[in-house]
Amino acid sequence: MKIKIDDKVKIRAGKDKGRTGTVLKIYPKKSTVLVEGVNLYKKHIKRQKDQAGTIIEKSRPIAVSKLSLVCPSCQEITRVGYKIDKNKEKYRICKKCQSIIKNKEKKK
C-alpha cells in the first residue's frame, strides 16, 4: 500500500469529497484506511445504571481507492512513485515535483 500512517490525504469520492485529513490506522487486508475527522457516523449508546445515554461520533475506515496523497512539499494531490538510491534504499517520491516523501519513524 502506498499510503502510510501520518500521511496527509484528500478524499476524492463519497460524502466527504474534497476534505483532507491524516491517516491514523491502516487495514491492509481490507485495503481501507482510518482518516482523522473523515467518514464520521453517529453511534447511540444506551443508558447504563451510572451514566446517561449519549450519542458519539466515530470515524469509520474508508477505501484506499477513494484517497489521494497530498505531497508535503508541493501541497498538491499526487501519485506515489518509488526510487532506489545508491545505498539500495527505497524511497517514496511525488510524481509531480519528484521530491522524497519522508516516512515518519514508528512509535514504540
N, C-alpha and C. Protein backbone atom coordinates (compact mmCIF):
# COMPACT_ATOMS: atom_id res chain seq x y z
N MET A 1 0.85 -1.17 0.00
CA MET A 1 0.00 0.00 0.00
C MET A 1 0.89 1.24 0.00
N LYS A 2 0.58 2.19 -0.81
CA LYS A 2 1.44 3.36 -0.97
C LYS A 2 1.16 4.47 0.04
N ILE A 3 0.08 4.35 0.78
CA ILE A 3 -0.26 5.33 1.81
C ILE A 3 0.17 4.77 3.16
N LYS A 4 0.84 5.59 3.95
CA LYS A 4 1.38 5.18 5.25
C LYS A 4 0.72 5.99 6.37
N ILE A 5 0.95 5.57 7.61
CA ILE A 5 0.43 6.28 8.78
C ILE A 5 1.07 7.67 8.84
N ASP A 6 0.30 8.67 9.24
CA ASP A 6 0.68 10.09 9.36
C ASP A 6 0.79 10.80 8.02
N ASP A 7 0.39 10.16 6.91
CA ASP A 7 0.33 10.86 5.62
C ASP A 7 -0.91 11.74 5.58
N LYS A 8 -0.81 12.84 4.88
CA LYS A 8 -1.96 13.71 4.66
C LYS A 8 -2.63 13.27 3.37
N VAL A 9 -3.94 13.00 3.42
CA VAL A 9 -4.66 12.53 2.25
C VAL A 9 -5.88 13.40 1.99
N LYS A 10 -6.33 13.38 0.73
CA LYS A 10 -7.53 14.10 0.33
C LYS A 10 -8.54 13.09 -0.19
N ILE A 11 -9.80 13.25 0.19
CA ILE A 11 -10.86 12.34 -0.23
C ILE A 11 -11.33 12.73 -1.62
N ARG A 12 -11.37 11.76 -2.55
CA ARG A 12 -11.75 12.02 -3.93
C ARG A 12 -13.18 11.64 -4.24
N ALA A 13 -13.83 10.80 -3.42
CA ALA A 13 -15.18 10.34 -3.71
C ALA A 13 -15.94 10.11 -2.42
N GLY A 14 -17.25 10.15 -2.49
CA GLY A 14 -18.09 9.86 -1.34
C GLY A 14 -18.63 11.12 -0.69
N LYS A 15 -19.22 10.94 0.47
CA LYS A 15 -19.88 12.06 1.15
C LYS A 15 -18.90 13.11 1.67
N ASP A 16 -17.65 12.75 1.87
CA ASP A 16 -16.63 13.68 2.37
C ASP A 16 -15.70 14.16 1.28
N LYS A 17 -16.14 14.14 0.03
CA LYS A 17 -15.30 14.52 -1.11
C LYS A 17 -14.73 15.93 -0.93
N GLY A 18 -13.40 16.06 -1.12
CA GLY A 18 -12.73 17.35 -1.01
C GLY A 18 -12.11 17.62 0.35
N ARG A 19 -12.46 16.84 1.37
CA ARG A 19 -11.90 17.05 2.70
C ARG A 19 -10.54 16.39 2.81
N THR A 20 -9.71 16.91 3.72
CA THR A 20 -8.39 16.34 3.94
C THR A 20 -8.25 15.91 5.40
N GLY A 21 -7.35 14.99 5.64
CA GLY A 21 -7.08 14.53 7.00
C GLY A 21 -5.83 13.69 7.02
N THR A 22 -5.40 13.32 8.22
CA THR A 22 -4.21 12.49 8.36
C THR A 22 -4.61 11.06 8.63
N VAL A 23 -3.80 10.13 8.17
CA VAL A 23 -4.07 8.71 8.33
C VAL A 23 -3.71 8.28 9.75
N LEU A 24 -4.66 7.64 10.43
CA LEU A 24 -4.44 7.18 11.80
C LEU A 24 -4.09 5.70 11.85
N LYS A 25 -4.75 4.90 11.02
CA LYS A 25 -4.55 3.46 11.05
C LYS A 25 -4.79 2.90 9.65
N ILE A 26 -4.10 1.79 9.34
CA ILE A 26 -4.21 1.16 8.04
C ILE A 26 -4.65 -0.29 8.23
N TYR A 27 -5.60 -0.73 7.40
CA TYR A 27 -6.07 -2.10 7.40
C TYR A 27 -5.75 -2.70 6.02
N PRO A 28 -4.54 -3.29 5.85
CA PRO A 28 -4.12 -3.75 4.52
C PRO A 28 -4.94 -4.91 3.95
N LYS A 29 -5.45 -5.81 4.79
CA LYS A 29 -6.23 -6.94 4.28
C LYS A 29 -7.54 -6.48 3.65
N LYS A 30 -8.16 -5.47 4.22
CA LYS A 30 -9.41 -4.94 3.68
C LYS A 30 -9.16 -3.78 2.71
N SER A 31 -7.92 -3.36 2.60
CA SER A 31 -7.46 -2.18 1.86
C SER A 31 -8.31 -0.95 2.15
N THR A 32 -8.41 -0.68 3.46
CA THR A 32 -9.08 0.52 3.96
C THR A 32 -8.14 1.26 4.90
N VAL A 33 -8.49 2.53 5.14
CA VAL A 33 -7.66 3.41 5.96
C VAL A 33 -8.56 4.22 6.87
N LEU A 34 -8.14 4.42 8.10
CA LEU A 34 -8.87 5.26 9.05
C LEU A 34 -8.26 6.65 8.99
N VAL A 35 -9.07 7.64 8.58
CA VAL A 35 -8.60 9.01 8.42
C VAL A 35 -9.25 9.87 9.50
N GLU A 36 -8.46 10.73 10.12
CA GLU A 36 -8.93 11.57 11.21
C GLU A 36 -9.97 12.58 10.74
N GLY A 37 -11.14 12.58 11.37
CA GLY A 37 -12.18 13.56 11.09
C GLY A 37 -12.94 13.36 9.79
N VAL A 38 -12.81 12.19 9.17
CA VAL A 38 -13.48 11.92 7.90
C VAL A 38 -14.30 10.64 8.05
N ASN A 39 -15.42 10.56 7.32
CA ASN A 39 -16.31 9.39 7.33
C ASN A 39 -16.86 9.16 8.73
N LEU A 40 -17.39 10.23 9.34
CA LEU A 40 -17.93 10.16 10.69
C LEU A 40 -19.35 9.64 10.70
N TYR A 41 -19.66 8.79 11.66
CA TYR A 41 -21.00 8.27 11.86
C TYR A 41 -21.36 8.44 13.33
N LYS A 42 -22.66 8.57 13.60
CA LYS A 42 -23.12 8.71 14.97
C LYS A 42 -23.48 7.35 15.53
N LYS A 43 -23.09 7.13 16.79
CA LYS A 43 -23.42 5.88 17.47
C LYS A 43 -24.19 6.23 18.74
N HIS A 44 -25.34 5.58 18.90
CA HIS A 44 -26.17 5.81 20.07
C HIS A 44 -25.78 4.81 21.15
N ILE A 45 -25.52 5.33 22.35
CA ILE A 45 -25.14 4.48 23.46
C ILE A 45 -26.27 4.47 24.49
N LYS A 46 -26.68 3.27 24.87
CA LYS A 46 -27.77 3.10 25.81
C LYS A 46 -27.42 3.60 27.20
N ARG A 47 -28.44 3.97 27.94
CA ARG A 47 -28.25 4.41 29.31
C ARG A 47 -27.83 3.22 30.16
N GLN A 48 -26.83 3.45 31.02
CA GLN A 48 -26.39 2.45 31.99
C GLN A 48 -26.88 2.87 33.38
N LYS A 49 -26.58 2.10 34.38
CA LYS A 49 -27.02 2.43 35.74
C LYS A 49 -26.45 3.77 36.20
N ASP A 50 -25.15 3.97 35.91
CA ASP A 50 -24.47 5.16 36.42
C ASP A 50 -24.40 6.29 35.41
N GLN A 51 -24.55 5.99 34.12
CA GLN A 51 -24.35 7.00 33.08
C GLN A 51 -25.63 7.22 32.28
N ALA A 52 -25.77 8.44 31.77
CA ALA A 52 -26.89 8.75 30.89
C ALA A 52 -26.56 8.28 29.47
N GLY A 53 -27.58 8.07 28.67
CA GLY A 53 -27.38 7.68 27.28
C GLY A 53 -26.83 8.86 26.48
N THR A 54 -25.97 8.58 25.53
CA THR A 54 -25.35 9.64 24.73
C THR A 54 -25.27 9.23 23.26
N ILE A 55 -24.93 10.20 22.45
CA ILE A 55 -24.66 9.96 21.03
C ILE A 55 -23.22 10.41 20.79
N ILE A 56 -22.39 9.49 20.27
CA ILE A 56 -20.99 9.84 19.99
C ILE A 56 -20.73 9.70 18.50
N GLU A 57 -19.74 10.44 18.02
CA GLU A 57 -19.34 10.35 16.62
C GLU A 57 -18.09 9.49 16.52
N LYS A 58 -18.11 8.52 15.59
CA LYS A 58 -16.97 7.64 15.38
C LYS A 58 -16.53 7.73 13.93
N SER A 59 -15.23 7.60 13.74
CA SER A 59 -14.68 7.54 12.38
C SER A 59 -14.71 6.10 11.92
N ARG A 60 -15.11 5.89 10.68
CA ARG A 60 -15.08 4.56 10.09
C ARG A 60 -14.02 4.53 9.00
N PRO A 61 -13.47 3.35 8.73
CA PRO A 61 -12.45 3.26 7.67
C PRO A 61 -13.04 3.59 6.30
N ILE A 62 -12.18 4.10 5.42
CA ILE A 62 -12.58 4.46 4.06
C ILE A 62 -11.66 3.72 3.09
N ALA A 63 -12.17 3.37 1.93
CA ALA A 63 -11.40 2.61 0.95
C ALA A 63 -10.23 3.43 0.42
N VAL A 64 -9.11 2.76 0.19
CA VAL A 64 -7.90 3.42 -0.29
C VAL A 64 -8.12 3.98 -1.69
N SER A 65 -8.99 3.36 -2.47
CA SER A 65 -9.24 3.81 -3.83
C SER A 65 -9.92 5.19 -3.87
N LYS A 66 -10.48 5.63 -2.76
CA LYS A 66 -11.13 6.93 -2.69
C LYS A 66 -10.20 8.04 -2.20
N LEU A 67 -8.93 7.71 -1.95
CA LEU A 67 -7.98 8.66 -1.38
C LEU A 67 -6.89 9.04 -2.37
N SER A 68 -6.35 10.24 -2.19
CA SER A 68 -5.15 10.67 -2.90
C SER A 68 -4.19 11.27 -1.88
N LEU A 69 -2.93 11.00 -2.06
CA LEU A 69 -1.90 11.52 -1.16
C LEU A 69 -1.65 12.99 -1.46
N VAL A 70 -1.48 13.80 -0.42
CA VAL A 70 -1.11 15.20 -0.58
C VAL A 70 0.38 15.30 -0.31
N CYS A 71 1.13 15.79 -1.31
CA CYS A 71 2.58 15.90 -1.20
C CYS A 71 2.94 16.93 -0.13
N PRO A 72 3.85 16.59 0.80
CA PRO A 72 4.22 17.54 1.85
C PRO A 72 4.99 18.76 1.33
N SER A 73 5.67 18.64 0.20
CA SER A 73 6.47 19.78 -0.28
C SER A 73 5.69 20.69 -1.23
N CYS A 74 4.95 20.12 -2.20
CA CYS A 74 4.23 20.98 -3.16
C CYS A 74 2.76 21.18 -2.80
N GLN A 75 2.25 20.49 -1.77
CA GLN A 75 0.89 20.62 -1.26
C GLN A 75 -0.19 20.34 -2.31
N GLU A 76 0.09 19.47 -3.26
CA GLU A 76 -0.88 19.08 -4.27
C GLU A 76 -1.14 17.59 -4.17
N ILE A 77 -2.33 17.16 -4.63
CA ILE A 77 -2.59 15.72 -4.65
C ILE A 77 -1.73 15.10 -5.73
N THR A 78 -1.21 13.93 -5.45
CA THR A 78 -0.25 13.33 -6.35
C THR A 78 -0.32 11.81 -6.27
N ARG A 79 0.30 11.19 -7.25
CA ARG A 79 0.50 9.75 -7.20
C ARG A 79 1.87 9.49 -6.58
N VAL A 80 2.06 8.27 -6.11
CA VAL A 80 3.30 7.93 -5.43
C VAL A 80 4.14 7.05 -6.34
N GLY A 81 5.42 7.39 -6.44
CA GLY A 81 6.37 6.57 -7.16
C GLY A 81 7.46 6.12 -6.22
N TYR A 82 8.34 5.27 -6.71
CA TYR A 82 9.43 4.79 -5.89
C TYR A 82 10.76 5.02 -6.59
N LYS A 83 11.80 5.26 -5.80
CA LYS A 83 13.14 5.45 -6.33
C LYS A 83 14.12 4.72 -5.42
N ILE A 84 15.12 4.09 -6.01
CA ILE A 84 16.14 3.38 -5.24
C ILE A 84 17.45 4.14 -5.40
N ASP A 85 18.09 4.50 -4.28
CA ASP A 85 19.33 5.26 -4.35
C ASP A 85 20.54 4.32 -4.41
N LYS A 86 21.73 4.90 -4.36
CA LYS A 86 22.98 4.13 -4.47
C LYS A 86 23.18 3.14 -3.32
N ASN A 87 22.63 3.47 -2.15
CA ASN A 87 22.77 2.60 -0.98
C ASN A 87 21.71 1.51 -0.94
N LYS A 88 20.99 1.31 -2.04
CA LYS A 88 19.94 0.29 -2.16
C LYS A 88 18.77 0.55 -1.22
N GLU A 89 18.52 1.82 -0.88
CA GLU A 89 17.37 2.17 -0.06
C GLU A 89 16.25 2.66 -0.96
N LYS A 90 15.03 2.23 -0.65
CA LYS A 90 13.87 2.57 -1.46
C LYS A 90 13.12 3.73 -0.83
N TYR A 91 12.79 4.75 -1.64
CA TYR A 91 12.09 5.93 -1.17
C TYR A 91 10.81 6.14 -1.95
N ARG A 92 9.80 6.69 -1.28
CA ARG A 92 8.59 7.12 -1.99
C ARG A 92 8.85 8.52 -2.52
N ILE A 93 8.42 8.79 -3.76
CA ILE A 93 8.59 10.12 -4.33
C ILE A 93 7.26 10.64 -4.86
N CYS A 94 7.15 11.95 -4.93
CA CYS A 94 6.00 12.63 -5.52
C CYS A 94 6.17 12.61 -7.04
N LYS A 95 5.14 12.21 -7.77
CA LYS A 95 5.23 12.13 -9.23
C LYS A 95 5.24 13.52 -9.88
N LYS A 96 4.75 14.55 -9.15
CA LYS A 96 4.68 15.89 -9.74
C LYS A 96 5.97 16.67 -9.55
N CYS A 97 6.48 16.72 -8.31
CA CYS A 97 7.66 17.54 -8.05
C CYS A 97 8.93 16.72 -7.84
N GLN A 98 8.83 15.39 -7.88
CA GLN A 98 9.96 14.48 -7.74
C GLN A 98 10.67 14.58 -6.39
N SER A 99 10.02 15.13 -5.37
CA SER A 99 10.65 15.22 -4.05
C SER A 99 10.37 13.95 -3.25
N ILE A 100 11.24 13.66 -2.30
CA ILE A 100 11.11 12.46 -1.48
C ILE A 100 10.05 12.70 -0.41
N ILE A 101 9.16 11.72 -0.27
CA ILE A 101 8.15 11.76 0.78
C ILE A 101 8.71 10.98 1.95
N LYS A 102 9.01 11.69 3.02
CA LYS A 102 9.64 11.06 4.18
C LYS A 102 8.64 10.21 4.93
N ASN A 103 9.08 9.05 5.41
CA ASN A 103 8.28 8.20 6.28
C ASN A 103 8.55 8.61 7.71
N LYS A 104 7.51 8.78 8.48
CA LYS A 104 7.67 9.11 9.89
C LYS A 104 8.17 7.86 10.62
N GLU A 105 8.99 8.06 11.64
CA GLU A 105 9.50 6.93 12.41
C GLU A 105 8.38 6.35 13.25
N LYS A 106 8.32 5.03 13.34
CA LYS A 106 7.28 4.36 14.11
C LYS A 106 7.51 4.57 15.60
N LYS A 107 6.39 4.81 16.31
CA LYS A 107 6.47 4.97 17.77
C LYS A 107 6.43 3.59 18.40
N LYS A 108 7.29 3.37 19.38
CA LYS A 108 7.33 2.07 20.06
C LYS A 108 6.54 2.10 21.33
